[in-house]
Amino acid sequence: MTVNHSSVLSVSFFDAYFKLILASREPVVEKAKDFIETNFFKGEACYYGEQTHRNFMTAFNKLKGTTKNS
């Protein structure tokens, strides 16, 4: 996947990305978050900018809240 550093990635992008990771590698939300932080953000939270990281965390918190209620 090619990501442009000049654009802000949306919450819906990360919703889809989390679902992909959860379906293909890590069935646990926390482990999926760790995987994305390590591999997508390369261990640097704001690698793609602060707003992109906030959107990532919004998607994570949204998904985490959804899985707790299931």
N, C-alpha and C. Protein backbone atom coordinates (compact mmCIF):
# COMPACT_ATOMS: atom_id res chain seq x y z
N MET A 1 0.85 -1.17 0.00
CA MET A 1 0.00 0.00 0.00
C MET A 1 0.89 1.23 0.00
N THR A 2 0.61 2.15 -0.90
CA THR A 2 1.34 3.40 -0.97
C THR A 2 0.54 4.47 -0.25
N VAL A 3 1.19 5.19 0.64
CA VAL A 3 0.53 6.25 1.40
C VAL A 3 1.29 7.54 1.17
N ASN A 4 0.56 8.58 0.83
CA ASN A 4 1.14 9.89 0.58
C ASN A 4 1.33 10.62 1.92
N HIS A 5 2.53 11.08 2.18
CA HIS A 5 2.80 11.78 3.44
C HIS A 5 2.08 13.11 3.54
N SER A 6 1.64 13.69 2.44
CA SER A 6 1.03 15.01 2.49
C SER A 6 -0.47 14.97 2.75
N SER A 7 -1.07 13.80 2.79
CA SER A 7 -2.51 13.73 3.03
C SER A 7 -2.78 13.19 4.43
N VAL A 8 -3.96 13.53 4.95
CA VAL A 8 -4.41 13.04 6.25
C VAL A 8 -5.27 11.82 6.00
N LEU A 9 -4.93 10.73 6.64
CA LEU A 9 -5.70 9.49 6.50
C LEU A 9 -6.90 9.55 7.45
N SER A 10 -8.04 9.15 6.95
CA SER A 10 -9.30 9.30 7.68
C SER A 10 -9.55 8.17 8.68
N VAL A 11 -10.53 8.42 9.53
CA VAL A 11 -10.97 7.39 10.48
C VAL A 11 -11.49 6.18 9.71
N SER A 12 -12.22 6.41 8.63
CA SER A 12 -12.76 5.28 7.86
C SER A 12 -11.64 4.45 7.22
N PHE A 13 -10.54 5.10 6.85
CA PHE A 13 -9.37 4.36 6.35
C PHE A 13 -8.88 3.41 7.42
N PHE A 14 -8.74 3.91 8.64
CA PHE A 14 -8.23 3.06 9.73
C PHE A 14 -9.26 2.03 10.17
N ASP A 15 -10.55 2.34 10.08
CA ASP A 15 -11.58 1.32 10.35
C ASP A 15 -11.36 0.12 9.43
N ALA A 16 -11.20 0.41 8.14
CA ALA A 16 -10.99 -0.65 7.15
C ALA A 16 -9.66 -1.37 7.39
N TYR A 17 -8.63 -0.62 7.73
CA TYR A 17 -7.31 -1.22 7.95
C TYR A 17 -7.33 -2.14 9.17
N PHE A 18 -7.97 -1.69 10.25
CA PHE A 18 -8.10 -2.54 11.44
C PHE A 18 -8.84 -3.84 11.09
N LYS A 19 -9.93 -3.72 10.35
CA LYS A 19 -10.70 -4.91 9.99
C LYS A 19 -9.87 -5.87 9.15
N LEU A 20 -9.06 -5.34 8.27
CA LEU A 20 -8.18 -6.18 7.45
C LEU A 20 -7.17 -6.91 8.33
N ILE A 21 -6.53 -6.20 9.24
CA ILE A 21 -5.53 -6.81 10.14
C ILE A 21 -6.20 -7.83 11.04
N LEU A 22 -7.36 -7.49 11.59
CA LEU A 22 -8.07 -8.42 12.47
C LEU A 22 -8.47 -9.70 11.74
N ALA A 23 -8.86 -9.57 10.49
CA ALA A 23 -9.28 -10.74 9.71
C ALA A 23 -8.11 -11.58 9.24
N SER A 24 -6.98 -10.94 8.97
CA SER A 24 -5.88 -11.67 8.36
C SER A 24 -4.76 -12.09 9.30
N ARG A 25 -4.54 -11.36 10.38
CA ARG A 25 -3.40 -11.69 11.23
C ARG A 25 -3.68 -11.71 12.72
N GLU A 26 -4.25 -10.65 13.25
CA GLU A 26 -4.38 -10.50 14.70
C GLU A 26 -5.85 -10.38 15.09
N PRO A 27 -6.44 -11.43 15.66
CA PRO A 27 -7.86 -11.37 16.01
C PRO A 27 -8.15 -10.57 17.28
N VAL A 28 -7.12 -10.01 17.92
CA VAL A 28 -7.29 -9.23 19.14
C VAL A 28 -6.99 -7.77 18.82
N VAL A 29 -7.90 -6.87 19.19
CA VAL A 29 -7.79 -5.46 18.84
C VAL A 29 -6.48 -4.85 19.32
N GLU A 30 -6.08 -5.12 20.55
CA GLU A 30 -4.84 -4.56 21.09
C GLU A 30 -3.62 -5.03 20.28
N LYS A 31 -3.60 -6.29 19.90
CA LYS A 31 -2.48 -6.80 19.10
C LYS A 31 -2.48 -6.20 17.70
N ALA A 32 -3.67 -5.99 17.15
CA ALA A 32 -3.77 -5.34 15.84
C ALA A 32 -3.23 -3.92 15.92
N LYS A 33 -3.55 -3.22 17.01
CA LYS A 33 -3.04 -1.85 17.22
C LYS A 33 -1.52 -1.86 17.27
N ASP A 34 -0.96 -2.79 18.03
CA ASP A 34 0.50 -2.90 18.12
C ASP A 34 1.12 -3.18 16.75
N PHE A 35 0.50 -4.07 16.00
CA PHE A 35 0.99 -4.40 14.66
C PHE A 35 1.00 -3.17 13.76
N ILE A 36 -0.09 -2.41 13.77
CA ILE A 36 -0.18 -1.21 12.92
C ILE A 36 0.83 -0.17 13.37
N GLU A 37 0.96 0.02 14.68
CA GLU A 37 1.95 1.01 15.16
C GLU A 37 3.36 0.64 14.74
N THR A 38 3.69 -0.62 14.79
CA THR A 38 5.03 -1.07 14.43
C THR A 38 5.26 -1.05 12.93
N ASN A 39 4.33 -1.57 12.17
CA ASN A 39 4.54 -1.75 10.74
C ASN A 39 4.07 -0.59 9.87
N PHE A 40 2.96 0.02 10.21
CA PHE A 40 2.44 1.12 9.40
C PHE A 40 3.09 2.44 9.80
N PHE A 41 3.09 2.71 11.11
CA PHE A 41 3.67 3.96 11.60
C PHE A 41 5.17 3.85 11.87
N LYS A 42 5.73 2.68 11.65
CA LYS A 42 7.16 2.43 11.81
C LYS A 42 7.67 2.80 13.22
N GLY A 43 6.80 2.57 14.22
CA GLY A 43 7.18 2.82 15.61
C GLY A 43 7.17 4.29 16.00
N GLU A 44 6.77 5.16 15.10
CA GLU A 44 6.74 6.60 15.38
C GLU A 44 5.30 7.09 15.24
N ALA A 45 4.67 7.44 16.35
CA ALA A 45 3.24 7.75 16.38
C ALA A 45 2.82 8.77 15.32
N CYS A 46 3.58 9.80 15.13
CA CYS A 46 3.19 10.87 14.19
C CYS A 46 3.94 10.78 12.87
N TYR A 47 4.31 9.58 12.47
CA TYR A 47 5.03 9.37 11.21
C TYR A 47 4.31 10.00 10.03
N TYR A 48 2.97 9.93 10.02
CA TYR A 48 2.16 10.51 8.95
C TYR A 48 1.44 11.78 9.40
N GLY A 49 1.86 12.35 10.51
CA GLY A 49 1.27 13.58 11.02
C GLY A 49 0.36 13.33 12.21
N GLU A 50 0.16 14.40 12.97
CA GLU A 50 -0.64 14.31 14.19
C GLU A 50 -2.11 13.97 13.92
N GLN A 51 -2.70 14.60 12.90
CA GLN A 51 -4.12 14.35 12.61
C GLN A 51 -4.34 12.91 12.17
N THR A 52 -3.44 12.38 11.38
CA THR A 52 -3.55 10.98 10.96
C THR A 52 -3.48 10.07 12.18
N HIS A 53 -2.58 10.37 13.12
CA HIS A 53 -2.48 9.55 14.33
C HIS A 53 -3.74 9.68 15.18
N ARG A 54 -4.30 10.88 15.28
CA ARG A 54 -5.55 11.05 16.02
C ARG A 54 -6.67 10.24 15.38
N ASN A 55 -6.73 10.24 14.06
CA ASN A 55 -7.75 9.45 13.36
C ASN A 55 -7.54 7.96 13.60
N PHE A 56 -6.30 7.52 13.65
CA PHE A 56 -5.97 6.13 13.97
C PHE A 56 -6.49 5.78 15.37
N MET A 57 -6.22 6.65 16.33
CA MET A 57 -6.64 6.38 17.70
C MET A 57 -8.17 6.43 17.82
N THR A 58 -8.82 7.30 17.07
CA THR A 58 -10.29 7.35 17.06
C THR A 58 -10.85 6.04 16.55
N ALA A 59 -10.29 5.56 15.45
CA ALA A 59 -10.74 4.27 14.90
C ALA A 59 -10.48 3.14 15.88
N PHE A 60 -9.32 3.14 16.53
CA PHE A 60 -8.99 2.12 17.52
C PHE A 60 -9.99 2.14 18.67
N ASN A 61 -10.23 3.33 19.23
CA ASN A 61 -11.15 3.43 20.37
C ASN A 61 -12.57 3.05 19.98
N LYS A 62 -12.97 3.40 18.77
CA LYS A 62 -14.29 3.03 18.26
C LYS A 62 -14.41 1.51 18.15
N LEU A 63 -13.41 0.89 17.58
CA LEU A 63 -13.41 -0.57 17.41
C LEU A 63 -13.32 -1.27 18.76
N LYS A 64 -12.49 -0.76 19.64
CA LYS A 64 -12.34 -1.35 20.97
C LYS A 64 -13.67 -1.29 21.73
N GLY A 65 -14.38 -0.17 21.61
CA GLY A 65 -15.70 -0.05 22.25
C GLY A 65 -16.72 -1.00 21.66
N THR A 66 -16.64 -1.22 20.35
CA THR A 66 -17.54 -2.14 19.67
C THR A 66 -17.31 -3.58 20.09
N THR A 67 -16.05 -3.96 20.22
CA THR A 67 -15.74 -5.36 20.56
C THR A 67 -16.05 -5.65 22.02
N LYS A 68 -15.99 -4.65 22.90
CA LYS A 68 -16.33 -4.87 24.30
C LYS A 68 -17.82 -5.16 24.47
N ASN A 69 -18.62 -4.53 23.62
CA ASN A 69 -20.07 -4.68 23.73
C ASN A 69 -20.61 -5.91 23.00
N SER A 70 -19.77 -6.61 22.28
CA SER A 70 -20.23 -7.78 21.51
C SER A 70 -20.43 -8.98 22.40
